[in-house]
Amino acid sequence: MEANQFLLDILTFMQTVFSLVIGVVVVQLIAFFLLARLINESPKPQETGRAIFGHMMLAVGALLMCLSAITALMGILGQNTFTTEVYLGLVLIFTAGGLLYLWHDYRLREVSQECKRVPGIIYFFTMKAIGQLALVLSVLYLALSVTLGDNQADRWWSMPLAVFLFGFFLTWLTGEAAPKRTPVKAAAAKGKKNGKK
């Protein structure tokens, strides 16, 4: 398959995924604009602005890396033969995103924890939302393709599988450890002991 045709084929499914992702990013930007009050009340407004900018650039770097990685993964899973130029372009996009991400991550280490707390939380949950949206949309695409019989094309499953793996990876990265819970019997016994004292 020719590289140009492959990139055009990607757009059909990816338009749906990225329209939702862009929606999430727009919500993130609106949230950042709403943080203007936080910046105004902050004892260090310049540093808080730097934290917001840094987290926005982390998101752009992550987006560039994800776009190139998903495209390469779809090519590998679909066994499409890309030209060397296409692979070089994907590596350059990934490298640019990685350098952007690493640079702003490094710069954010210079910002105080109190100034980057709120932008960091918004960034974390934005990435979590993107991962879960990618998981849900890829599973829906696979299920609807099988249900509606729209799976006659060769390697039709490579694109949703690549997006599923991406979503699974993001969800795993942003997962939170389950809190430790005391078994009911142990909690009841502890309550009885405390009541006797």
N, C-alpha and C. Protein backbone atom coordinates (compact mmCIF):
# COMPACT_ATOMS: atom_id res chain seq x y z
N MET A 1 0.84 -1.17 0.00
CA MET A 1 0.00 0.00 0.00
C MET A 1 0.89 1.23 0.00
N GLU A 2 0.54 2.19 -0.78
CA GLU A 2 1.32 3.41 -0.88
C GLU A 2 1.15 4.25 0.38
N ALA A 3 2.19 4.93 0.77
CA ALA A 3 2.19 5.68 2.03
C ALA A 3 1.11 6.75 2.06
N ASN A 4 0.90 7.45 0.94
CA ASN A 4 -0.12 8.50 0.91
C ASN A 4 -1.51 7.93 1.11
N GLN A 5 -1.79 6.79 0.47
CA GLN A 5 -3.10 6.15 0.64
C GLN A 5 -3.30 5.68 2.07
N PHE A 6 -2.24 5.16 2.68
CA PHE A 6 -2.33 4.71 4.07
C PHE A 6 -2.66 5.87 4.99
N LEU A 7 -2.00 7.01 4.78
CA LEU A 7 -2.27 8.17 5.62
C LEU A 7 -3.69 8.68 5.42
N LEU A 8 -4.21 8.58 4.20
CA LEU A 8 -5.61 8.97 3.95
C LEU A 8 -6.57 8.01 4.64
N ASP A 9 -6.25 6.71 4.63
CA ASP A 9 -7.10 5.73 5.30
C ASP A 9 -7.14 5.94 6.80
N ILE A 10 -6.03 6.39 7.35
CA ILE A 10 -5.97 6.64 8.79
C ILE A 10 -6.98 7.70 9.19
N LEU A 11 -7.13 8.71 8.35
CA LEU A 11 -7.95 9.85 8.70
C LEU A 11 -9.41 9.49 8.94
N THR A 12 -9.93 8.46 8.30
CA THR A 12 -11.35 8.14 8.47
C THR A 12 -11.67 7.78 9.91
N PHE A 13 -10.93 6.87 10.49
CA PHE A 13 -11.17 6.48 11.88
C PHE A 13 -10.58 7.50 12.85
N MET A 14 -9.41 8.02 12.50
CA MET A 14 -8.72 8.92 13.41
C MET A 14 -9.46 10.25 13.57
N GLN A 15 -10.24 10.65 12.56
CA GLN A 15 -10.99 11.89 12.69
C GLN A 15 -11.96 11.79 13.86
N THR A 16 -12.59 10.64 14.02
CA THR A 16 -13.51 10.45 15.13
C THR A 16 -12.77 10.50 16.45
N VAL A 17 -11.67 9.77 16.53
CA VAL A 17 -10.91 9.73 17.78
C VAL A 17 -10.38 11.11 18.13
N PHE A 18 -9.74 11.76 17.17
CA PHE A 18 -9.10 13.03 17.48
C PHE A 18 -10.09 14.17 17.62
N SER A 19 -11.30 14.04 17.07
CA SER A 19 -12.28 15.09 17.33
C SER A 19 -12.66 15.06 18.81
N LEU A 20 -12.76 13.88 19.39
CA LEU A 20 -13.01 13.81 20.83
C LEU A 20 -11.80 14.24 21.63
N VAL A 21 -10.62 13.85 21.17
CA VAL A 21 -9.40 14.25 21.88
C VAL A 21 -9.25 15.77 21.83
N ILE A 22 -9.53 16.36 20.67
CA ILE A 22 -9.44 17.81 20.55
C ILE A 22 -10.46 18.47 21.48
N GLY A 23 -11.63 17.85 21.60
CA GLY A 23 -12.62 18.36 22.55
C GLY A 23 -12.09 18.36 23.97
N VAL A 24 -11.39 17.29 24.33
CA VAL A 24 -10.81 17.21 25.67
C VAL A 24 -9.73 18.27 25.84
N VAL A 25 -8.93 18.48 24.81
CA VAL A 25 -7.88 19.50 24.88
C VAL A 25 -8.48 20.89 24.98
N VAL A 26 -9.58 21.14 24.27
CA VAL A 26 -10.24 22.44 24.36
C VAL A 26 -10.75 22.66 25.78
N VAL A 27 -11.31 21.62 26.37
CA VAL A 27 -11.76 21.73 27.76
C VAL A 27 -10.58 22.04 28.67
N GLN A 28 -9.45 21.41 28.39
CA GLN A 28 -8.25 21.67 29.18
C GLN A 28 -7.83 23.14 29.02
N LEU A 29 -7.86 23.64 27.82
CA LEU A 29 -7.48 25.04 27.60
C LEU A 29 -8.43 25.99 28.31
N ILE A 30 -9.72 25.68 28.27
CA ILE A 30 -10.69 26.50 28.98
C ILE A 30 -10.40 26.46 30.48
N ALA A 31 -10.06 25.25 30.97
CA ALA A 31 -9.71 25.14 32.39
C ALA A 31 -8.48 25.98 32.71
N PHE A 32 -7.52 26.00 31.82
CA PHE A 32 -6.34 26.83 32.05
C PHE A 32 -6.70 28.31 32.07
N PHE A 33 -7.60 28.71 31.19
CA PHE A 33 -8.01 30.10 31.21
C PHE A 33 -8.78 30.43 32.49
N LEU A 34 -9.52 29.46 32.99
CA LEU A 34 -10.23 29.67 34.24
C LEU A 34 -9.27 29.73 35.44
N LEU A 35 -8.05 29.24 35.22
CA LEU A 35 -7.05 29.30 36.28
C LEU A 35 -6.45 30.70 36.43
N ALA A 36 -6.95 31.63 35.64
CA ALA A 36 -6.43 33.00 35.74
C ALA A 36 -6.60 33.54 37.16
N ARG A 37 -7.67 33.14 37.81
CA ARG A 37 -7.90 33.55 39.20
C ARG A 37 -6.80 32.99 40.11
N LEU A 38 -6.44 31.73 39.86
CA LEU A 38 -5.37 31.11 40.63
C LEU A 38 -4.06 31.87 40.43
N ILE A 39 -3.80 32.27 39.20
CA ILE A 39 -2.58 33.02 38.91
C ILE A 39 -2.60 34.36 39.63
N ASN A 40 -3.75 35.01 39.60
CA ASN A 40 -3.87 36.32 40.22
C ASN A 40 -3.68 36.25 41.74
N GLU A 41 -4.20 35.19 42.36
CA GLU A 41 -4.11 35.05 43.81
C GLU A 41 -2.80 34.41 44.26
N SER A 42 -2.04 33.89 43.34
CA SER A 42 -0.80 33.21 43.69
C SER A 42 0.24 34.22 44.17
N PRO A 43 1.04 33.82 45.17
CA PRO A 43 2.12 34.71 45.58
C PRO A 43 3.21 34.84 44.51
N LYS A 44 3.26 33.86 43.60
CA LYS A 44 4.25 33.88 42.52
C LYS A 44 3.52 33.70 41.18
N PRO A 45 2.89 34.76 40.67
CA PRO A 45 2.10 34.61 39.44
C PRO A 45 2.93 34.21 38.23
N GLN A 46 4.15 34.69 38.13
CA GLN A 46 5.01 34.34 36.99
C GLN A 46 5.30 32.84 36.99
N GLU A 47 5.56 32.31 38.16
CA GLU A 47 5.89 30.88 38.27
C GLU A 47 4.66 30.02 38.01
N THR A 48 3.49 30.46 38.44
CA THR A 48 2.25 29.72 38.16
C THR A 48 1.96 29.73 36.66
N GLY A 49 2.17 30.86 36.01
CA GLY A 49 2.00 30.93 34.55
C GLY A 49 2.97 30.00 33.84
N ARG A 50 4.19 29.92 34.33
CA ARG A 50 5.18 29.02 33.75
C ARG A 50 4.75 27.56 33.92
N ALA A 51 4.12 27.25 35.06
CA ALA A 51 3.64 25.88 35.29
C ALA A 51 2.51 25.53 34.32
N ILE A 52 1.60 26.47 34.09
CA ILE A 52 0.49 26.23 33.15
C ILE A 52 1.04 26.04 31.74
N PHE A 53 1.94 26.93 31.33
CA PHE A 53 2.54 26.82 30.00
C PHE A 53 3.30 25.50 29.86
N GLY A 54 4.06 25.13 30.87
CA GLY A 54 4.83 23.89 30.82
C GLY A 54 3.95 22.66 30.66
N HIS A 55 2.84 22.63 31.37
CA HIS A 55 1.94 21.48 31.24
C HIS A 55 1.24 21.45 29.89
N MET A 56 0.93 22.63 29.34
CA MET A 56 0.36 22.65 28.00
C MET A 56 1.36 22.11 26.98
N MET A 57 2.63 22.48 27.13
CA MET A 57 3.65 22.00 26.19
C MET A 57 3.95 20.52 26.40
N LEU A 58 3.80 20.02 27.63
CA LEU A 58 3.91 18.58 27.85
C LEU A 58 2.83 17.85 27.05
N ALA A 59 1.63 18.41 27.05
CA ALA A 59 0.53 17.79 26.30
C ALA A 59 0.82 17.80 24.79
N VAL A 60 1.39 18.89 24.28
CA VAL A 60 1.72 18.95 22.85
C VAL A 60 2.81 17.93 22.51
N GLY A 61 3.83 17.84 23.35
CA GLY A 61 4.89 16.85 23.12
C GLY A 61 4.35 15.43 23.15
N ALA A 62 3.49 15.15 24.13
CA ALA A 62 2.89 13.81 24.21
C ALA A 62 2.03 13.52 22.99
N LEU A 63 1.31 14.53 22.51
CA LEU A 63 0.46 14.35 21.32
C LEU A 63 1.30 14.02 20.09
N LEU A 64 2.41 14.73 19.91
CA LEU A 64 3.29 14.44 18.77
C LEU A 64 3.86 13.02 18.84
N MET A 65 4.29 12.62 20.03
CA MET A 65 4.83 11.26 20.18
C MET A 65 3.75 10.22 19.92
N CYS A 66 2.55 10.47 20.41
CA CYS A 66 1.47 9.50 20.23
C CYS A 66 1.05 9.38 18.78
N LEU A 67 0.97 10.50 18.08
CA LEU A 67 0.57 10.45 16.67
C LEU A 67 1.54 9.62 15.85
N SER A 68 2.83 9.83 16.06
CA SER A 68 3.80 9.06 15.27
C SER A 68 3.85 7.61 15.72
N ALA A 69 3.72 7.36 17.02
CA ALA A 69 3.78 5.97 17.50
C ALA A 69 2.56 5.17 17.04
N ILE A 70 1.38 5.78 17.09
CA ILE A 70 0.17 5.07 16.64
C ILE A 70 0.26 4.76 15.15
N THR A 71 0.72 5.71 14.36
CA THR A 71 0.85 5.48 12.92
C THR A 71 1.84 4.36 12.63
N ALA A 72 2.97 4.37 13.32
CA ALA A 72 3.96 3.29 13.12
C ALA A 72 3.40 1.95 13.57
N LEU A 73 2.69 1.94 14.68
CA LEU A 73 2.11 0.69 15.18
C LEU A 73 1.06 0.15 14.23
N MET A 74 0.26 1.04 13.65
CA MET A 74 -0.73 0.60 12.67
C MET A 74 -0.05 0.01 11.44
N GLY A 75 1.04 0.62 11.04
CA GLY A 75 1.79 0.09 9.90
C GLY A 75 2.37 -1.28 10.19
N ILE A 76 2.87 -1.48 11.40
CA ILE A 76 3.45 -2.77 11.77
C ILE A 76 2.37 -3.83 11.90
N LEU A 77 1.28 -3.50 12.60
CA LEU A 77 0.20 -4.48 12.78
C LEU A 77 -0.49 -4.81 11.47
N GLY A 78 -0.65 -3.81 10.63
CA GLY A 78 -1.30 -4.03 9.34
C GLY A 78 -0.37 -4.56 8.29
N GLN A 79 0.89 -4.71 8.62
CA GLN A 79 1.92 -5.21 7.72
C GLN A 79 1.98 -4.40 6.43
N ASN A 80 1.81 -3.10 6.58
CA ASN A 80 1.98 -2.20 5.43
C ASN A 80 3.45 -1.90 5.28
N THR A 81 3.89 -1.89 4.07
CA THR A 81 5.30 -1.58 3.85
C THR A 81 5.41 -0.08 3.60
N PHE A 82 5.98 0.61 4.56
CA PHE A 82 6.24 2.02 4.41
C PHE A 82 7.57 2.20 3.73
N THR A 83 7.69 3.32 3.08
CA THR A 83 8.99 3.67 2.52
C THR A 83 9.89 4.16 3.65
N THR A 84 11.15 4.21 3.37
CA THR A 84 12.11 4.68 4.36
C THR A 84 11.82 6.12 4.75
N GLU A 85 11.37 6.91 3.79
CA GLU A 85 11.07 8.31 4.07
C GLU A 85 9.93 8.45 5.07
N VAL A 86 8.90 7.60 4.97
CA VAL A 86 7.77 7.66 5.90
C VAL A 86 8.24 7.31 7.31
N TYR A 87 9.03 6.24 7.43
CA TYR A 87 9.55 5.87 8.74
C TYR A 87 10.45 6.97 9.31
N LEU A 88 11.25 7.57 8.47
CA LEU A 88 12.11 8.67 8.92
C LEU A 88 11.26 9.85 9.40
N GLY A 89 10.20 10.14 8.67
CA GLY A 89 9.30 11.22 9.09
C GLY A 89 8.64 10.92 10.43
N LEU A 90 8.21 9.66 10.64
CA LEU A 90 7.60 9.28 11.91
C LEU A 90 8.61 9.38 13.06
N VAL A 91 9.85 8.98 12.79
CA VAL A 91 10.89 9.09 13.82
C VAL A 91 11.16 10.55 14.15
N LEU A 92 11.18 11.41 13.13
CA LEU A 92 11.42 12.83 13.38
C LEU A 92 10.29 13.46 14.19
N ILE A 93 9.05 13.10 13.88
CA ILE A 93 7.91 13.62 14.65
C ILE A 93 7.99 13.13 16.09
N PHE A 94 8.29 11.86 16.28
CA PHE A 94 8.41 11.31 17.63
C PHE A 94 9.55 11.99 18.39
N THR A 95 10.67 12.20 17.72
CA THR A 95 11.82 12.84 18.36
C THR A 95 11.50 14.27 18.76
N ALA A 96 10.83 15.00 17.87
CA ALA A 96 10.46 16.38 18.20
C ALA A 96 9.53 16.42 19.40
N GLY A 97 8.54 15.53 19.43
CA GLY A 97 7.64 15.46 20.57
C GLY A 97 8.36 15.06 21.85
N GLY A 98 9.28 14.10 21.74
CA GLY A 98 10.03 13.66 22.91
C GLY A 98 10.93 14.74 23.47
N LEU A 99 11.61 15.47 22.58
CA LEU A 99 12.47 16.56 23.04
C LEU A 99 11.64 17.68 23.68
N LEU A 100 10.51 17.99 23.07
CA LEU A 100 9.63 19.01 23.63
C LEU A 100 9.14 18.60 25.01
N TYR A 101 8.74 17.34 25.12
CA TYR A 101 8.25 16.82 26.40
C TYR A 101 9.35 16.85 27.47
N LEU A 102 10.52 16.34 27.12
CA LEU A 102 11.61 16.28 28.09
C LEU A 102 12.08 17.67 28.51
N TRP A 103 12.15 18.60 27.56
CA TRP A 103 12.60 19.95 27.89
C TRP A 103 11.65 20.61 28.88
N HIS A 104 10.35 20.53 28.61
CA HIS A 104 9.39 21.18 29.50
C HIS A 104 9.24 20.43 30.82
N ASP A 105 9.43 19.13 30.82
CA ASP A 105 9.45 18.38 32.07
C ASP A 105 10.63 18.84 32.93
N TYR A 106 11.77 19.04 32.30
CA TYR A 106 12.95 19.54 33.01
C TYR A 106 12.70 20.93 33.57
N ARG A 107 12.09 21.80 32.74
CA ARG A 107 11.83 23.17 33.19
C ARG A 107 10.80 23.21 34.32
N LEU A 108 9.85 22.28 34.31
CA LEU A 108 8.84 22.24 35.37
C LEU A 108 9.43 21.83 36.72
N ARG A 109 10.57 21.17 36.69
CA ARG A 109 11.22 20.79 37.96
C ARG A 109 11.73 22.01 38.71
N GLU A 110 11.94 23.11 38.01
CA GLU A 110 12.39 24.35 38.64
C GLU A 110 11.25 25.13 39.28
N VAL A 111 10.00 24.76 38.94
CA VAL A 111 8.83 25.46 39.46
C VAL A 111 8.45 24.85 40.81
N SER A 112 8.04 25.68 41.74
CA SER A 112 7.68 25.17 43.07
C SER A 112 6.45 24.27 42.99
N GLN A 113 6.37 23.36 43.93
CA GLN A 113 5.29 22.37 43.95
C GLN A 113 3.92 23.03 44.08
N GLU A 114 3.83 24.08 44.88
CA GLU A 114 2.54 24.73 45.08
C GLU A 114 2.03 25.41 43.82
N CYS A 115 2.93 25.90 42.97
CA CYS A 115 2.52 26.57 41.74
C CYS A 115 2.11 25.59 40.65
N LYS A 116 2.67 24.40 40.65
CA LYS A 116 2.33 23.45 39.58
C LYS A 116 1.35 22.38 40.02
N ARG A 117 0.81 22.49 41.23
CA ARG A 117 -0.11 21.47 41.73
C ARG A 117 -1.39 21.41 40.89
N VAL A 118 -2.08 22.52 40.74
CA VAL A 118 -3.36 22.53 40.01
C VAL A 118 -3.17 22.24 38.52
N PRO A 119 -2.22 22.89 37.81
CA PRO A 119 -2.02 22.53 36.40
C PRO A 119 -1.61 21.07 36.23
N GLY A 120 -0.85 20.53 37.18
CA GLY A 120 -0.45 19.13 37.11
C GLY A 120 -1.64 18.19 37.24
N ILE A 121 -2.56 18.54 38.12
CA ILE A 121 -3.77 17.72 38.30
C ILE A 121 -4.61 17.74 37.02
N ILE A 122 -4.76 18.92 36.43
CA ILE A 122 -5.54 19.03 35.19
C ILE A 122 -4.87 18.23 34.08
N TYR A 123 -3.57 18.34 33.96
CA TYR A 123 -2.82 17.58 32.94
C TYR A 123 -2.99 16.08 33.15
N PHE A 124 -2.87 15.63 34.39
CA PHE A 124 -2.98 14.21 34.70
C PHE A 124 -4.34 13.66 34.29
N PHE A 125 -5.41 14.37 34.68
CA PHE A 125 -6.74 13.86 34.36
C PHE A 125 -7.10 14.04 32.89
N THR A 126 -6.48 14.99 32.21
CA THR A 126 -6.67 15.10 30.76
C THR A 126 -6.07 13.87 30.07
N MET A 127 -4.86 13.48 30.45
CA MET A 127 -4.23 12.29 29.88
C MET A 127 -5.04 11.03 30.20
N LYS A 128 -5.57 10.98 31.41
CA LYS A 128 -6.40 9.84 31.81
C LYS A 128 -7.66 9.78 30.95
N ALA A 129 -8.29 10.93 30.69
CA ALA A 129 -9.49 10.97 29.87
C ALA A 129 -9.19 10.56 28.43
N ILE A 130 -8.07 11.02 27.88
CA ILE A 130 -7.70 10.65 26.51
C ILE A 130 -7.48 9.15 26.41
N GLY A 131 -6.80 8.56 27.39
CA GLY A 131 -6.57 7.12 27.39
C GLY A 131 -7.86 6.33 27.44
N GLN A 132 -8.78 6.73 28.31
CA GLN A 132 -10.02 6.00 28.42
C GLN A 132 -10.92 6.19 27.21
N LEU A 133 -10.90 7.40 26.62
CA LEU A 133 -11.66 7.62 25.39
C LEU A 133 -11.11 6.76 24.25
N ALA A 134 -9.79 6.65 24.15
CA ALA A 134 -9.19 5.82 23.11
C ALA A 134 -9.58 4.35 23.31
N LEU A 135 -9.59 3.88 24.55
CA LEU A 135 -10.00 2.51 24.82
C LEU A 135 -11.44 2.27 24.40
N VAL A 136 -12.34 3.12 24.85
CA VAL A 136 -13.76 2.94 24.56
C VAL A 136 -14.04 3.03 23.06
N LEU A 137 -13.45 4.02 22.39
CA LEU A 137 -13.71 4.18 20.96
C LEU A 137 -13.15 3.03 20.13
N SER A 138 -12.00 2.53 20.49
CA SER A 138 -11.44 1.42 19.73
C SER A 138 -12.24 0.14 19.93
N VAL A 139 -12.70 -0.11 21.15
CA VAL A 139 -13.54 -1.29 21.39
C VAL A 139 -14.87 -1.16 20.66
N LEU A 140 -15.45 0.05 20.68
CA LEU A 140 -16.70 0.28 19.93
C LEU A 140 -16.50 0.07 18.44
N TYR A 141 -15.40 0.56 17.91
CA TYR A 141 -15.12 0.39 16.48
C TYR A 141 -14.99 -1.08 16.12
N LEU A 142 -14.24 -1.83 16.95
CA LEU A 142 -14.10 -3.27 16.69
C LEU A 142 -15.44 -3.98 16.78
N ALA A 143 -16.22 -3.67 17.82
CA ALA A 143 -17.52 -4.33 18.01
C ALA A 143 -18.48 -3.99 16.87
N LEU A 144 -18.53 -2.73 16.48
CA LEU A 144 -19.45 -2.34 15.41
C LEU A 144 -19.01 -2.91 14.06
N SER A 145 -17.71 -3.00 13.83
CA SER A 145 -17.23 -3.59 12.57
C SER A 145 -17.61 -5.05 12.47
N VAL A 146 -17.51 -5.77 13.57
CA VAL A 146 -17.88 -7.19 13.56
C VAL A 146 -19.39 -7.33 13.46
N THR A 147 -20.13 -6.54 14.23
CA THR A 147 -21.59 -6.63 14.25
C THR A 147 -22.20 -6.25 12.90
N LEU A 148 -21.70 -5.20 12.30
CA LEU A 148 -22.28 -4.73 11.04
C LEU A 148 -21.66 -5.38 9.81
N GLY A 149 -20.70 -6.26 10.02
CA GLY A 149 -20.08 -6.97 8.90
C GLY A 149 -19.19 -6.09 8.05
N ASP A 150 -18.62 -5.07 8.64
CA ASP A 150 -17.77 -4.14 7.90
C ASP A 150 -16.30 -4.50 8.10
N ASN A 151 -16.01 -5.79 8.00
CA ASN A 151 -14.64 -6.24 8.27
C ASN A 151 -14.08 -7.09 7.13
N GLN A 152 -14.46 -6.77 5.91
CA GLN A 152 -13.97 -7.52 4.77
C GLN A 152 -12.59 -7.06 4.30
N ALA A 153 -12.21 -5.85 4.62
CA ALA A 153 -10.92 -5.33 4.18
C ALA A 153 -9.79 -6.11 4.87
N ASP A 154 -8.69 -6.22 4.17
CA ASP A 154 -7.53 -6.91 4.72
C ASP A 154 -6.93 -6.10 5.86
N ARG A 155 -6.71 -6.74 6.98
CA ARG A 155 -6.11 -6.11 8.17
C ARG A 155 -6.93 -4.92 8.67
N TRP A 156 -8.24 -5.02 8.64
CA TRP A 156 -9.12 -3.95 9.07
C TRP A 156 -8.98 -3.66 10.56
N TRP A 157 -8.51 -4.58 11.31
CA TRP A 157 -8.43 -4.48 12.76
C TRP A 157 -7.16 -3.76 13.24
N SER A 158 -6.21 -3.48 12.34
CA SER A 158 -4.93 -2.92 12.80
C SER A 158 -5.07 -1.53 13.41
N MET A 159 -5.91 -0.68 12.82
CA MET A 159 -6.05 0.68 13.34
C MET A 159 -6.71 0.70 14.72
N PRO A 160 -7.88 0.06 14.89
CA PRO A 160 -8.47 0.09 16.24
C PRO A 160 -7.61 -0.63 17.28
N LEU A 161 -6.88 -1.66 16.88
CA LEU A 161 -6.01 -2.34 17.82
C LEU A 161 -4.87 -1.43 18.27
N ALA A 162 -4.30 -0.67 17.34
CA ALA A 162 -3.23 0.27 17.70
C ALA A 162 -3.76 1.35 18.65
N VAL A 163 -4.96 1.87 18.38
CA VAL A 163 -5.54 2.89 19.25
C VAL A 163 -5.89 2.27 20.61
N PHE A 164 -6.34 1.01 20.62
CA PHE A 164 -6.62 0.32 21.88
C PHE A 164 -5.35 0.18 22.71
N LEU A 165 -4.26 -0.23 22.08
CA LEU A 165 -2.99 -0.36 22.81
C LEU A 165 -2.53 0.98 23.36
N PHE A 166 -2.69 2.03 22.57
CA PHE A 166 -2.35 3.38 23.03
C PHE A 166 -3.21 3.77 24.23
N GLY A 167 -4.51 3.53 24.13
CA GLY A 167 -5.41 3.87 25.24
C GLY A 167 -5.12 3.05 26.48
N PHE A 168 -4.80 1.77 26.28
CA PHE A 168 -4.46 0.90 27.41
C PHE A 168 -3.19 1.40 28.09
N PHE A 169 -2.19 1.79 27.29
CA PHE A 169 -0.94 2.29 27.83
C PHE A 169 -1.17 3.57 28.64
N LEU A 170 -1.93 4.52 28.08
CA LEU A 170 -2.20 5.77 28.80
C LEU A 170 -3.01 5.52 30.07
N THR A 171 -3.99 4.63 30.00
CA THR A 171 -4.79 4.32 31.17
C THR A 171 -3.94 3.67 32.25
N TRP A 172 -3.04 2.80 31.83
CA TRP A 172 -2.15 2.14 32.79
C TRP A 172 -1.20 3.16 33.43
N LEU A 173 -0.66 4.08 32.61
CA LEU A 173 0.25 5.09 33.15
C LEU A 173 -0.43 6.02 34.14
N THR A 174 -1.69 6.33 33.90
CA THR A 174 -2.39 7.27 34.76
C THR A 174 -3.25 6.58 35.80
N GLY A 175 -3.08 5.28 35.93
CA GLY A 175 -3.85 4.54 36.92
C GLY A 175 -3.44 4.91 38.34
N GLU A 176 -4.38 4.79 39.22
CA GLU A 176 -4.12 5.10 40.61
C GLU A 176 -4.15 3.80 41.40
N ALA A 177 -3.27 3.69 42.36
CA ALA A 177 -3.23 2.49 43.19
C ALA A 177 -4.50 2.44 44.04
N ALA A 178 -5.05 1.23 44.13
CA ALA A 178 -6.26 1.06 44.94
C ALA A 178 -5.91 1.25 46.41
N PRO A 179 -6.75 1.98 47.15
CA PRO A 179 -6.46 2.18 48.57
C PRO A 179 -6.57 0.86 49.32
N LYS A 180 -5.73 0.71 50.34
CA LYS A 180 -5.80 -0.51 51.15
C LYS A 180 -7.05 -0.45 52.00
N ARG A 181 -7.76 -1.55 52.01
CA ARG A 181 -8.99 -1.61 52.79
C ARG A 181 -8.84 -2.66 53.87
N THR A 182 -9.34 -2.34 55.01
CA THR A 182 -9.30 -3.28 56.11
C THR A 182 -10.46 -4.24 55.94
N PRO A 183 -10.21 -5.55 56.07
CA PRO A 183 -11.32 -6.50 55.97
C PRO A 183 -12.39 -6.18 57.01
N VAL A 184 -13.63 -6.51 56.69
CA VAL A 184 -14.77 -6.17 57.54
C VAL A 184 -14.62 -6.79 58.93
N LYS A 185 -14.21 -8.06 59.01
CA LYS A 185 -14.08 -8.73 60.31
C LYS A 185 -13.02 -8.05 61.16
N ALA A 186 -11.89 -7.69 60.55
CA ALA A 186 -10.82 -7.04 61.31
C ALA A 186 -11.27 -5.67 61.79
N ALA A 187 -12.00 -4.94 60.95
CA ALA A 187 -12.50 -3.62 61.35
C ALA A 187 -13.52 -3.74 62.47
N ALA A 188 -14.39 -4.76 62.41
CA ALA A 188 -15.39 -4.98 63.46
C ALA A 188 -14.71 -5.36 64.77
N ALA A 189 -13.69 -6.22 64.69
CA ALA A 189 -12.97 -6.63 65.90
C ALA A 189 -12.25 -5.44 66.52
N LYS A 190 -11.68 -4.60 65.70
CA LYS A 190 -10.98 -3.41 66.19
C LYS A 190 -11.98 -2.47 66.85
N GLY A 191 -13.16 -2.36 66.29
CA GLY A 191 -14.20 -1.51 66.86
C GLY A 191 -14.66 -2.01 68.21
N LYS A 192 -14.77 -3.34 68.38
CA LYS A 192 -15.17 -3.92 69.65
C LYS A 192 -14.09 -3.68 70.71
N LYS A 193 -12.82 -3.81 70.31
CA LYS A 193 -11.74 -3.59 71.27
C LYS A 193 -11.73 -2.14 71.72
N ASN A 194 -11.94 -1.21 70.80
CA ASN A 194 -11.93 0.21 71.14
C ASN A 194 -13.14 0.55 72.01
N GLY A 195 -14.26 -0.14 71.84
CA GLY A 195 -15.46 0.10 72.62
C GLY A 195 -15.33 -0.38 74.05
N LYS A 196 -14.54 -1.43 74.30
CA LYS A 196 -14.37 -1.97 75.65
C LYS A 196 -13.49 -1.10 76.50
N LYS A 197 -12.59 -0.34 75.90
CA LYS A 197 -11.68 0.48 76.69
C LYS A 197 -12.40 1.60 77.26
